[in-house]
Amino acid sequence: MLAQQIVNGLMLGAIYMLVAVAFTLAIGVLNFLNFSLPGLFMVGGMLAFGLMKAGWPFLLAAAGALAAAAFASLLVERFAYRPMQGGDPEVPLVSSLGFLVLLENLMLIQYGSDQQAFPALLPDLNLRLGGLVIGIAQLISLALSLGLVAFLSWYLSSTAAGRRIRTVAENRETAQLLGIDISRLVPQLFVASALLAALAGILFAVNYQQVSPFMGEGVGFKGVAAMIVGGMGSIWGAVLGGLVIGLAEVLSISLIGADVVNISVYGLLLLILIVRPQGLVGRAASREKL
């Protein structure tokens, strides 16, 4: 039973991992905690559900949901982030929170407040290893999440575009002096983080077969917790943090009860902040940059 719950925790952690990496891209490069990302997570799951309900095949519905999330992220960048550059850093954060509320209410108007059942794409298709049961959809989600993060890490460290992003993360003024076009780079980062969050929402819907207009809130907060647990600004730290938060949630539900799951997760976050404020793989001197 314990081994099965560990497997389930790792599978849930794959969802938190993608959300945490999306937050890491925003705060690691732009120093901006983008609170619209939980809304984009929800857009991924809800729009995929809505388009499938309208008769679209899953792959087209998923592509449409990702495209809508990317477009919404460009609106966030244009109206919440760009006009506030050089001002108080709290203003873009509050503006992005407004986009979260807006996206939730748009989906609330369209689909109602009730939780909706997402179609089962791979019904009863499981992999059995000894006494463990692993859902094929969950296994695909974990492999896809790890593959995307590995590609992103390689892209940032081994390509010219990735080095430009790292330069902006280290020092924006220096990047401008080196001729890096930040006005083009920033929207691309917004789209990349939105695609990660929306993909996480689609994978969540496929794995747990449920969607709602408010599905992003709890996952978003746990994504932020995963980013902090792993280490601010570290992509692989976000991966580790997502897996740790997923394990903590599933094990606390199994061993203690569902009523105390948030106490367990955020209590773990508080404990790690007390013992190791920089996170599990963060640097003590300064925040690690991607």
C-alpha atoms as a PDB file:
ATOM      1  CA  MET A   1       0.000   0.000   0.000  1.00  0.00           C
ATOM      2  CA  LEU A   2       2.790   2.435   0.875  1.00  0.00           C
ATOM      3  CA  ALA A   3       4.631   1.707  -2.373  1.00  0.00           C
ATOM      4  CA  GLN A   4       1.409   2.282  -4.343  1.00  0.00           C
ATOM      5  CA  GLN A   5       0.863   5.645  -2.629  1.00  0.00           C
ATOM      6  CA  ILE A   6       4.445   6.676  -3.419  1.00  0.00           C
ATOM      7  CA  VAL A   7       3.790   5.894  -7.087  1.00  0.00           C
ATOM      8  CA  ASN A   8       0.559   7.918  -6.968  1.00  0.00           C
ATOM      9  CA  GLY A   9       2.408  10.799  -5.316  1.00  0.00           C
ATOM     10  CA  LEU A  10       5.048  10.855  -8.039  1.00  0.00           C
ATOM     11  CA  MET A  11       2.349  10.906 -10.710  1.00  0.00           C
ATOM     12  CA  LEU A  12       0.590  13.845  -9.038  1.00  0.00           C
ATOM     13  CA  GLY A  13       3.976  15.507  -8.569  1.00  0.00           C
ATOM     14  CA  ALA A  14       4.434  15.497 -12.362  1.00  0.00           C
ATOM     15  CA  ILE A  15       1.509  17.958 -12.598  1.00  0.00           C
ATOM     16  CA  TYR A  16       2.873  20.201  -9.852  1.00  0.00           C
ATOM     17  CA  MET A  17       6.281  19.988 -11.508  1.00  0.00           C
ATOM     18  CA  LEU A  18       5.093  21.623 -14.732  1.00  0.00           C
ATOM     19  CA  VAL A  19       3.274  24.393 -12.853  1.00  0.00           C
ATOM     20  CA  ALA A  20       6.340  25.013 -10.686  1.00  0.00           C
ATOM     21  CA  VAL A  21       8.586  25.215 -13.766  1.00  0.00           C
ATOM     22  CA  ALA A  22       6.136  27.690 -15.344  1.00  0.00           C
ATOM     23  CA  PHE A  23       6.379  29.888 -12.230  1.00  0.00           C
ATOM     24  CA  THR A  24      10.160  29.472 -12.252  1.00  0.00           C
ATOM     25  CA  LEU A  25      10.428  30.783 -15.810  1.00  0.00           C
ATOM     26  CA  ALA A  26       8.444  33.864 -14.842  1.00  0.00           C
ATOM     27  CA  ILE A  27      10.185  34.680 -11.586  1.00  0.00           C
ATOM     28  CA  GLY A  28      13.648  33.388 -12.510  1.00  0.00           C
ATOM     29  CA  VAL A  29      13.961  35.557 -15.611  1.00  0.00           C
ATOM     30  CA  LEU A  30      11.454  38.374 -15.179  1.00  0.00           C
ATOM     31  CA  ASN A  31      11.344  38.587 -11.372  1.00  0.00           C
ATOM     32  CA  PHE A  32       7.554  38.452 -11.737  1.00  0.00           C
ATOM     33  CA  LEU A  33       5.270  36.113  -9.808  1.00  0.00           C
ATOM     34  CA  ASN A  34       2.644  35.582 -12.511  1.00  0.00           C
ATOM     35  CA  PHE A  35      -0.588  34.729 -10.713  1.00  0.00           C
ATOM     36  CA  SER A  36      -2.454  34.288 -13.993  1.00  0.00           C
ATOM     37  CA  LEU A  37      -0.739  30.889 -14.415  1.00  0.00           C
ATOM     38  CA  PRO A  38      -3.307  29.003 -12.273  1.00  0.00           C
ATOM     39  CA  GLY A  39      -5.961  30.489 -14.546  1.00  0.00           C
ATOM     40  CA  LEU A  40      -4.070  29.299 -17.624  1.00  0.00           C
ATOM     41  CA  PHE A  41      -3.813  25.855 -16.012  1.00  0.00           C
ATOM     42  CA  MET A  42      -7.593  25.911 -15.709  1.00  0.00           C
ATOM     43  CA  VAL A  43      -8.003  27.180 -19.290  1.00  0.00           C
ATOM     44  CA  GLY A  44      -6.032  24.181 -20.544  1.00  0.00           C
ATOM     45  CA  GLY A  45      -8.272  21.653 -18.817  1.00  0.00           C
ATOM     46  CA  MET A  46     -11.614  23.448 -19.251  1.00  0.00           C
ATOM     47  CA  LEU A  47     -11.182  24.407 -22.905  1.00  0.00           C
ATOM     48  CA  ALA A  48      -9.984  20.921 -23.826  1.00  0.00           C
ATOM     49  CA  PHE A  49     -13.137  19.606 -22.154  1.00  0.00           C
ATOM     50  CA  GLY A  50     -15.350  22.182 -23.884  1.00  0.00           C
ATOM     51  CA  LEU A  51     -13.907  21.547 -27.333  1.00  0.00           C
ATOM     52  CA  MET A  52     -14.202  17.780 -26.930  1.00  0.00           C
ATOM     53  CA  LYS A  53     -17.795  18.277 -25.818  1.00  0.00           C
ATOM     54  CA  ALA A  54     -18.332  20.221 -29.060  1.00  0.00           C
ATOM     55  CA  GLY A  55     -17.099  17.215 -31.043  1.00  0.00           C
ATOM     56  CA  TRP A  56     -13.402  17.960 -31.505  1.00  0.00           C
ATOM     57  CA  PRO A  57     -10.974  15.018 -31.259  1.00  0.00           C
ATOM     58  CA  PHE A  58      -8.710  15.120 -28.218  1.00  0.00           C
ATOM     59  CA  LEU A  59      -5.500  16.188 -29.960  1.00  0.00           C
ATOM     60  CA  LEU A  60      -7.201  19.083 -31.749  1.00  0.00           C
ATOM     61  CA  ALA A  61      -8.998  20.090 -28.538  1.00  0.00           C
ATOM     62  CA  ALA A  62      -5.706  20.046 -26.625  1.00  0.00           C
ATOM     63  CA  ALA A  63      -4.013  22.116 -29.343  1.00  0.00           C
ATOM     64  CA  GLY A  64      -6.878  24.610 -29.282  1.00  0.00           C
ATOM     65  CA  ALA A  65      -6.672  24.898 -25.494  1.00  0.00           C
ATOM     66  CA  LEU A  66      -2.901  25.461 -25.644  1.00  0.00           C
ATOM     67  CA  ALA A  67      -3.331  28.124 -28.332  1.00  0.00           C
ATOM     68  CA  ALA A  68      -5.972  29.916 -26.250  1.00  0.00           C
ATOM     69  CA  ALA A  69      -3.712  29.846 -23.186  1.00  0.00           C
ATOM     70  CA  ALA A  70      -0.814  31.256 -25.224  1.00  0.00           C
ATOM     71  CA  PHE A  71      -3.028  34.081 -26.504  1.00  0.00           C
ATOM     72  CA  ALA A  72      -4.249  34.845 -22.976  1.00  0.00           C
ATOM     73  CA  SER A  73      -0.639  34.990 -21.762  1.00  0.00           C
ATOM     74  CA  LEU A  74       0.147  37.609 -24.421  1.00  0.00           C
ATOM     75  CA  LEU A  75      -2.742  39.686 -23.089  1.00  0.00           C
ATOM     76  CA  VAL A  76      -1.328  39.361 -19.566  1.00  0.00           C
ATOM     77  CA  GLU A  77       2.083  40.477 -20.807  1.00  0.00           C
ATOM     78  CA  ARG A  78       0.639  43.395 -22.764  1.00  0.00           C
ATOM     79  CA  PHE A  79      -1.778  44.761 -20.170  1.00  0.00           C
ATOM     80  CA  ALA A  80      -0.474  43.555 -16.787  1.00  0.00           C
ATOM     81  CA  TYR A  81       3.317  43.371 -17.134  1.00  0.00           C
ATOM     82  CA  ARG A  82       4.556  45.705 -19.884  1.00  0.00           C
ATOM     83  CA  PRO A  83       2.867  48.970 -18.789  1.00  0.00           C
ATOM     84  CA  MET A  84       4.103  48.540 -15.204  1.00  0.00           C
ATOM     85  CA  GLN A  85       7.810  48.226 -15.994  1.00  0.00           C
ATOM     86  CA  GLY A  86       9.846  50.590 -13.851  1.00  0.00           C
ATOM     87  CA  GLY A  87       7.030  51.015 -11.326  1.00  0.00           C
ATOM     88  CA  ASP A  88       6.098  49.224  -8.137  1.00  0.00           C
ATOM     89  CA  PRO A  89       6.710  45.459  -8.519  1.00  0.00           C
ATOM     90  CA  GLU A  90       3.474  44.705  -6.654  1.00  0.00           C
ATOM     91  CA  VAL A  91       1.283  46.251  -9.361  1.00  0.00           C
ATOM     92  CA  PRO A  92       1.886  43.603 -12.093  1.00  0.00           C
ATOM     93  CA  LEU A  93       1.341  40.877  -9.500  1.00  0.00           C
ATOM     94  CA  VAL A  94      -2.081  42.288  -8.566  1.00  0.00           C
ATOM     95  CA  SER A  95      -2.909  42.830 -12.252  1.00  0.00           C
ATOM     96  CA  SER A  96      -2.075  39.201 -13.070  1.00  0.00           C
ATOM     97  CA  LEU A  97      -4.293  38.142 -10.158  1.00  0.00           C
ATOM     98  CA  GLY A  98      -7.072  40.121 -11.829  1.00  0.00           C
ATOM     99  CA  PHE A  99      -6.569  38.075 -14.996  1.00  0.00           C
ATOM    100  CA  LEU A 100      -6.904  34.894 -12.910  1.00  0.00           C
ATOM    101  CA  VAL A 101     -10.289  36.076 -11.603  1.00  0.00           C
ATOM    102  CA  LEU A 102     -11.347  37.142 -15.118  1.00  0.00           C
ATOM    103  CA  LEU A 103     -10.473  33.766 -16.663  1.00  0.00           C
ATOM    104  CA  GLU A 104     -12.268  31.870 -13.894  1.00  0.00           C
ATOM    105  CA  ASN A 105     -15.438  33.909 -14.334  1.00  0.00           C
ATOM    106  CA  LEU A 106     -15.412  33.564 -18.118  1.00  0.00           C
ATOM    107  CA  MET A 107     -15.320  29.778 -17.724  1.00  0.00           C
ATOM    108  CA  LEU A 108     -17.942  30.017 -14.975  1.00  0.00           C
ATOM    109  CA  ILE A 109     -20.297  31.823 -17.367  1.00  0.00           C
ATOM    110  CA  GLN A 110     -19.662  29.348 -20.169  1.00  0.00           C
ATOM    111  CA  TYR A 111     -19.691  26.016 -18.304  1.00  0.00           C
ATOM    112  CA  GLY A 112     -21.210  26.727 -14.890  1.00  0.00           C
ATOM    113  CA  SER A 113     -19.731  26.238 -11.442  1.00  0.00           C
ATOM    114  CA  ASP A 114     -20.228  22.469 -11.178  1.00  0.00           C
ATOM    115  CA  GLN A 115     -17.349  20.067 -11.548  1.00  0.00           C
ATOM    116  CA  GLN A 116     -17.448  18.431 -14.983  1.00  0.00           C
ATOM    117  CA  ALA A 117     -16.475  14.869 -15.879  1.00  0.00           C
ATOM    118  CA  PHE A 118     -13.652  14.758 -18.415  1.00  0.00           C
ATOM    119  CA  PRO A 119     -13.936  11.878 -20.931  1.00  0.00           C
ATOM    120  CA  ALA A 120     -11.797   8.834 -20.161  1.00  0.00           C
ATOM    121  CA  LEU A 121      -9.260   8.598 -22.982  1.00  0.00           C
ATOM    122  CA  LEU A 122      -7.545   5.425 -21.785  1.00  0.00           C
ATOM    123  CA  PRO A 123     -10.180   3.613 -19.691  1.00  0.00           C
ATOM    124  CA  ASP A 124      -8.910   0.783 -17.491  1.00  0.00           C
ATOM    125  CA  LEU A 125      -5.538   0.721 -19.231  1.00  0.00           C
ATOM    126  CA  ASN A 126      -3.036   0.025 -16.454  1.00  0.00           C
ATOM    127  CA  LEU A 127       0.471  -1.307 -16.112  1.00  0.00           C
ATOM    128  CA  ARG A 128       0.930  -3.860 -13.332  1.00  0.00           C
ATOM    129  CA  LEU A 129       4.376  -4.315 -11.779  1.00  0.00           C
ATOM    130  CA  GLY A 130       4.279  -6.795  -8.944  1.00  0.00           C
ATOM    131  CA  GLY A 131       1.606  -5.440  -6.647  1.00  0.00           C
ATOM    132  CA  LEU A 132       1.725  -1.932  -8.089  1.00  0.00           C
ATOM    133  CA  VAL A 133      -0.852  -0.527 -10.480  1.00  0.00           C
ATOM    134  CA  ILE A 134       0.284   2.375 -12.678  1.00  0.00           C
ATOM    135  CA  GLY A 135      -2.169   4.088 -14.991  1.00  0.00           C
ATOM    136  CA  ILE A 136      -0.851   4.397 -18.532  1.00  0.00           C
ATOM    137  CA  ALA A 137      -2.168   7.970 -18.732  1.00  0.00           C
ATOM    138  CA  GLN A 138      -0.292   8.857 -15.537  1.00  0.00           C
ATOM    139  CA  LEU A 139       2.882   7.206 -16.796  1.00  0.00           C
ATOM    140  CA  ILE A 140       2.667   9.126 -20.066  1.00  0.00           C
ATOM    141  CA  SER A 141       2.130  12.347 -18.116  1.00  0.00           C
ATOM    142  CA  LEU A 142       5.202  11.740 -15.947  1.00  0.00           C
ATOM    143  CA  ALA A 143       7.389  10.860 -18.932  1.00  0.00           C
ATOM    144  CA  LEU A 144       6.118  13.864 -20.915  1.00  0.00           C
ATOM    145  CA  SER A 145       6.684  16.239 -17.989  1.00  0.00           C
ATOM    146  CA  LEU A 146      10.235  15.016 -17.355  1.00  0.00           C
ATOM    147  CA  GLY A 147      11.005  15.077 -21.078  1.00  0.00           C
ATOM    148  CA  LEU A 148       9.800  18.664 -21.450  1.00  0.00           C
ATOM    149  CA  VAL A 149      11.781  19.825 -18.431  1.00  0.00           C
ATOM    150  CA  ALA A 150      14.920  18.049 -19.679  1.00  0.00           C
ATOM    151  CA  PHE A 151      14.500  19.693 -23.096  1.00  0.00           C
ATOM    152  CA  LEU A 152      13.958  23.103 -21.478  1.00  0.00           C
ATOM    153  CA  SER A 153      17.062  22.683 -19.320  1.00  0.00           C
ATOM    154  CA  TRP A 154      19.124  21.694 -22.376  1.00  0.00           C
ATOM    155  CA  TYR A 155      17.682  24.589 -24.391  1.00  0.00           C
ATOM    156  CA  LEU A 156      18.585  27.136 -21.716  1.00  0.00           C
ATOM    157  CA  SER A 157      22.121  25.848 -21.236  1.00  0.00           C
ATOM    158  CA  SER A 158      23.168  24.817 -24.754  1.00  0.00           C
ATOM    159  CA  THR A 159      21.564  27.156 -27.298  1.00  0.00           C
ATOM    160  CA  ALA A 160      22.182  30.779 -28.221  1.00  0.00           C
ATOM    161  CA  ALA A 161      18.576  31.684 -27.412  1.00  0.00           C
ATOM    162  CA  GLY A 162      18.885  29.975 -24.042  1.00  0.00           C
ATOM    163  CA  ARG A 163      22.038  31.919 -23.249  1.00  0.00           C
ATOM    164  CA  ARG A 164      20.205  35.137 -24.075  1.00  0.00           C
ATOM    165  CA  ILE A 165      17.488  34.179 -21.604  1.00  0.00           C
ATOM    166  CA  ARG A 166      20.074  33.411 -18.929  1.00  0.00           C
ATOM    167  CA  THR A 167      21.743  36.761 -19.568  1.00  0.00           C
ATOM    168  CA  VAL A 168      18.451  38.568 -19.021  1.00  0.00           C
ATOM    169  CA  ALA A 169      17.911  36.511 -15.863  1.00  0.00           C
ATOM    170  CA  GLU A 170      21.303  37.573 -14.498  1.00  0.00           C
ATOM    171  CA  ASN A 171      21.165  41.265 -15.402  1.00  0.00           C
ATOM    172  CA  ARG A 172      18.631  42.971 -17.640  1.00  0.00           C
ATOM    173  CA  GLU A 173      20.727  46.122 -18.125  1.00  0.00           C
ATOM    174  CA  THR A 174      23.748  44.104 -19.228  1.00  0.00           C
ATOM    175  CA  ALA A 175      21.557  42.140 -21.625  1.00  0.00           C
ATOM    176  CA  GLN A 176      20.357  45.368 -23.229  1.00  0.00           C
ATOM    177  CA  LEU A 177      23.928  46.617 -23.585  1.00  0.00           C
ATOM    178  CA  LEU A 178      24.794  43.346 -25.337  1.00  0.00           C
ATOM    179  CA  GLY A 179      22.056  43.996 -27.862  1.00  0.00           C
ATOM    180  CA  ILE A 180      19.498  41.451 -26.677  1.00  0.00           C
ATOM    181  CA  ASP A 181      15.979  42.424 -27.778  1.00  0.00           C
ATOM    182  CA  ILE A 182      14.145  42.119 -24.477  1.00  0.00           C
ATOM    183  CA  SER A 183      10.884  43.410 -25.969  1.00  0.00           C
ATOM    184  CA  ARG A 184      10.738  40.262 -28.120  1.00  0.00           C
ATOM    185  CA  LEU A 185      12.094  37.887 -25.483  1.00  0.00           C
ATOM    186  CA  VAL A 186       9.590  38.723 -22.741  1.00  0.00           C
ATOM    187  CA  PRO A 187       6.422  37.738 -24.686  1.00  0.00           C
ATOM    188  CA  GLN A 188       8.112  34.485 -25.690  1.00  0.00           C
ATOM    189  CA  LEU A 189       8.750  33.687 -22.027  1.00  0.00           C
ATOM    190  CA  PHE A 190       5.135  34.456 -21.162  1.00  0.00           C
ATOM    191  CA  VAL A 191       3.952  32.078 -23.897  1.00  0.00           C
ATOM    192  CA  ALA A 192       6.372  29.336 -22.798  1.00  0.00           C
ATOM    193  CA  SER A 193       5.241  29.508 -19.171  1.00  0.00           C
ATOM    194  CA  ALA A 194       1.582  29.581 -20.270  1.00  0.00           C
ATOM    195  CA  LEU A 195       2.025  26.486 -22.440  1.00  0.00           C
ATOM    196  CA  LEU A 196       3.590  24.589 -19.535  1.00  0.00           C
ATOM    197  CA  ALA A 197       0.753  25.576 -17.189  1.00  0.00           C
ATOM    198  CA  ALA A 198      -1.980  24.786 -19.741  1.00  0.00           C
ATOM    199  CA  LEU A 199      -0.388  21.444 -20.590  1.00  0.00           C
ATOM    200  CA  ALA A 200      -0.357  20.617 -16.880  1.00  0.00           C
ATOM    201  CA  GLY A 201      -4.083  21.431 -16.792  1.00  0.00           C
ATOM    202  CA  ILE A 202      -4.767  19.104 -19.723  1.00  0.00           C
ATOM    203  CA  LEU A 203      -2.744  16.289 -18.149  1.00  0.00           C
ATOM    204  CA  PHE A 204      -4.557  16.816 -14.847  1.00  0.00           C
ATOM    205  CA  ALA A 205      -7.908  16.541 -16.635  1.00  0.00           C
ATOM    206  CA  VAL A 206      -6.847  13.391 -18.495  1.00  0.00           C
ATOM    207  CA  ASN A 207      -5.466  11.715 -15.361  1.00  0.00           C
ATOM    208  CA  TYR A 208      -8.171  12.628 -12.843  1.00  0.00           C
ATOM    209  CA  GLN A 209     -11.100  12.968 -15.303  1.00  0.00           C
ATOM    210  CA  GLN A 210     -12.524  16.119 -13.770  1.00  0.00           C
ATOM    211  CA  VAL A 211     -12.434  19.840 -14.530  1.00  0.00           C
ATOM    212  CA  SER A 212     -13.954  22.968 -13.009  1.00  0.00           C
ATOM    213  CA  PRO A 213     -13.529  26.750 -13.347  1.00  0.00           C
ATOM    214  CA  PHE A 214     -11.672  26.810 -10.021  1.00  0.00           C
ATOM    215  CA  MET A 215      -9.382  23.830 -10.582  1.00  0.00           C
ATOM    216  CA  GLY A 216      -6.317  26.065 -10.926  1.00  0.00           C
ATOM    217  CA  GLU A 217      -6.357  27.697  -7.517  1.00  0.00           C
ATOM    218  CA  GLY A 218      -5.231  24.799  -5.330  1.00  0.00           C
ATOM    219  CA  VAL A 219      -2.794  23.500  -7.943  1.00  0.00           C
ATOM    220  CA  GLY A 220      -1.382  27.006  -8.451  1.00  0.00           C
ATOM    221  CA  PHE A 221      -0.622  27.502  -4.775  1.00  0.00           C
ATOM    222  CA  LYS A 222       1.015  24.083  -4.602  1.00  0.00           C
ATOM    223  CA  GLY A 223       3.027  24.923  -7.717  1.00  0.00           C
ATOM    224  CA  VAL A 224       4.354  28.018  -5.950  1.00  0.00           C
ATOM    225  CA  ALA A 225       5.081  25.886  -2.882  1.00  0.00           C
ATOM    226  CA  ALA A 226       6.960  23.381  -5.070  1.00  0.00           C
ATOM    227  CA  MET A 227       9.032  26.183  -6.596  1.00  0.00           C
ATOM    228  CA  ILE A 228       9.973  27.487  -3.137  1.00  0.00           C
ATOM    229  CA  VAL A 229      10.685  24.013  -1.740  1.00  0.00           C
ATOM    230  CA  GLY A 230      13.000  23.183  -4.633  1.00  0.00           C
ATOM    231  CA  GLY A 231      14.764  26.541  -4.718  1.00  0.00           C
ATOM    232  CA  MET A 232      13.700  29.809  -6.312  1.00  0.00           C
ATOM    233  CA  GLY A 233      14.852  30.148  -9.914  1.00  0.00           C
ATOM    234  CA  SER A 234      16.066  26.549 -10.301  1.00  0.00           C
ATOM    235  CA  ILE A 235      14.308  24.436 -12.943  1.00  0.00           C
ATOM    236  CA  TRP A 236      15.458  21.110 -11.509  1.00  0.00           C
ATOM    237  CA  GLY A 237      14.668  22.445  -8.067  1.00  0.00           C
ATOM    238  CA  ALA A 238      11.091  22.999  -9.280  1.00  0.00           C
ATOM    239  CA  VAL A 239      11.033  19.400 -10.513  1.00  0.00           C
ATOM    240  CA  LEU A 240      12.194  18.100  -7.137  1.00  0.00           C
ATOM    241  CA  GLY A 241       9.809  20.399  -5.300  1.00  0.00           C
ATOM    242  CA  GLY A 242       6.858  19.239  -7.410  1.00  0.00           C
ATOM    243  CA  LEU A 243       7.607  15.589  -6.696  1.00  0.00           C
ATOM    244  CA  VAL A 244       8.053  16.288  -2.968  1.00  0.00           C
ATOM    245  CA  ILE A 245       4.757  18.189  -2.745  1.00  0.00           C
ATOM    246  CA  GLY A 246       2.947  15.470  -4.692  1.00  0.00           C
ATOM    247  CA  LEU A 247       4.336  12.772  -2.386  1.00  0.00           C
ATOM    248  CA  ALA A 248       3.484  14.797   0.726  1.00  0.00           C
ATOM    249  CA  GLU A 249      -0.107  15.290  -0.439  1.00  0.00           C
ATOM    250  CA  VAL A 250      -0.811  11.681  -1.379  1.00  0.00           C
ATOM    251  CA  LEU A 251       0.918  10.196   1.680  1.00  0.00           C
ATOM    252  CA  SER A 252      -0.856  12.566   4.062  1.00  0.00           C
ATOM    253  CA  ILE A 253      -4.238  11.626   2.535  1.00  0.00           C
ATOM    254  CA  SER A 254      -3.391   7.926   2.846  1.00  0.00           C
ATOM    255  CA  LEU A 255      -1.847   7.963   6.314  1.00  0.00           C
ATOM    256  CA  ILE A 256      -3.615  10.823   8.103  1.00  0.00           C
ATOM    257  CA  GLY A 257      -6.694  11.825   6.137  1.00  0.00           C
ATOM    258  CA  ALA A 258      -7.864  14.218   3.449  1.00  0.00           C
ATOM    259  CA  ASP A 259      -8.946  16.845   5.979  1.00  0.00           C
ATOM    260  CA  VAL A 260      -5.353  17.678   6.931  1.00  0.00           C
ATOM    261  CA  VAL A 261      -3.728  17.521   3.500  1.00  0.00           C
ATOM    262  CA  ASN A 262      -3.182  21.285   3.255  1.00  0.00           C
ATOM    263  CA  ILE A 263      -1.758  21.368   6.778  1.00  0.00           C
ATOM    264  CA  SER A 264       0.721  18.661   5.794  1.00  0.00           C
ATOM    265  CA  VAL A 265       1.761  20.278   2.495  1.00  0.00           C
ATOM    266  CA  TYR A 266       2.152  23.826   3.738  1.00  0.00           C
ATOM    267  CA  GLY A 267       3.559  22.637   7.048  1.00  0.00           C
ATOM    268  CA  LEU A 268       6.294  20.893   5.051  1.00  0.00           C
ATOM    269  CA  LEU A 269       6.863  24.131   3.140  1.00  0.00           C
ATOM    270  CA  LEU A 270       7.212  26.054   6.405  1.00  0.00           C
ATOM    271  CA  LEU A 271       9.588  23.448   7.845  1.00  0.00           C
ATOM    272  CA  ILE A 272      11.847  23.568   4.780  1.00  0.00           C
ATOM    273  CA  LEU A 273      11.868  27.380   4.868  1.00  0.00           C
ATOM    274  CA  ILE A 274      12.960  27.271   8.510  1.00  0.00           C
ATOM    275  CA  VAL A 275      15.641  24.618   8.045  1.00  0.00           C
ATOM    276  CA  ARG A 276      16.845  25.607   4.568  1.00  0.00           C
ATOM    277  CA  PRO A 277      15.424  28.975   3.449  1.00  0.00           C
ATOM    278  CA  GLN A 278      17.043  28.781   0.002  1.00  0.00           C
ATOM    279  CA  GLY A 279      15.188  25.551  -0.823  1.00  0.00           C
ATOM    280  CA  LEU A 280      16.465  22.038  -1.359  1.00  0.00           C
ATOM    281  CA  VAL A 281      18.819  22.862  -4.252  1.00  0.00           C
ATOM    282  CA  GLY A 282      18.923  26.661  -4.085  1.00  0.00           C
ATOM    283  CA  ARG A 283      21.972  28.746  -3.325  1.00  0.00           C
ATOM    284  CA  ALA A 284      22.300  30.529  -0.008  1.00  0.00           C
ATOM    285  CA  ALA A 285      24.092  33.652  -1.216  1.00  0.00           C
ATOM    286  CA  SER A 286      21.630  34.694  -3.928  1.00  0.00           C
ATOM    287  CA  ARG A 287      18.699  33.269  -5.820  1.00  0.00           C
ATOM    288  CA  GLU A 288      19.812  30.741  -8.380  1.00  0.00           C
ATOM    289  CA  LYS A 289      19.173  31.771 -11.970  1.00  0.00           C
ATOM    290  CA  LEU A 290      17.816  29.087 -14.264  1.00  0.00           C
END
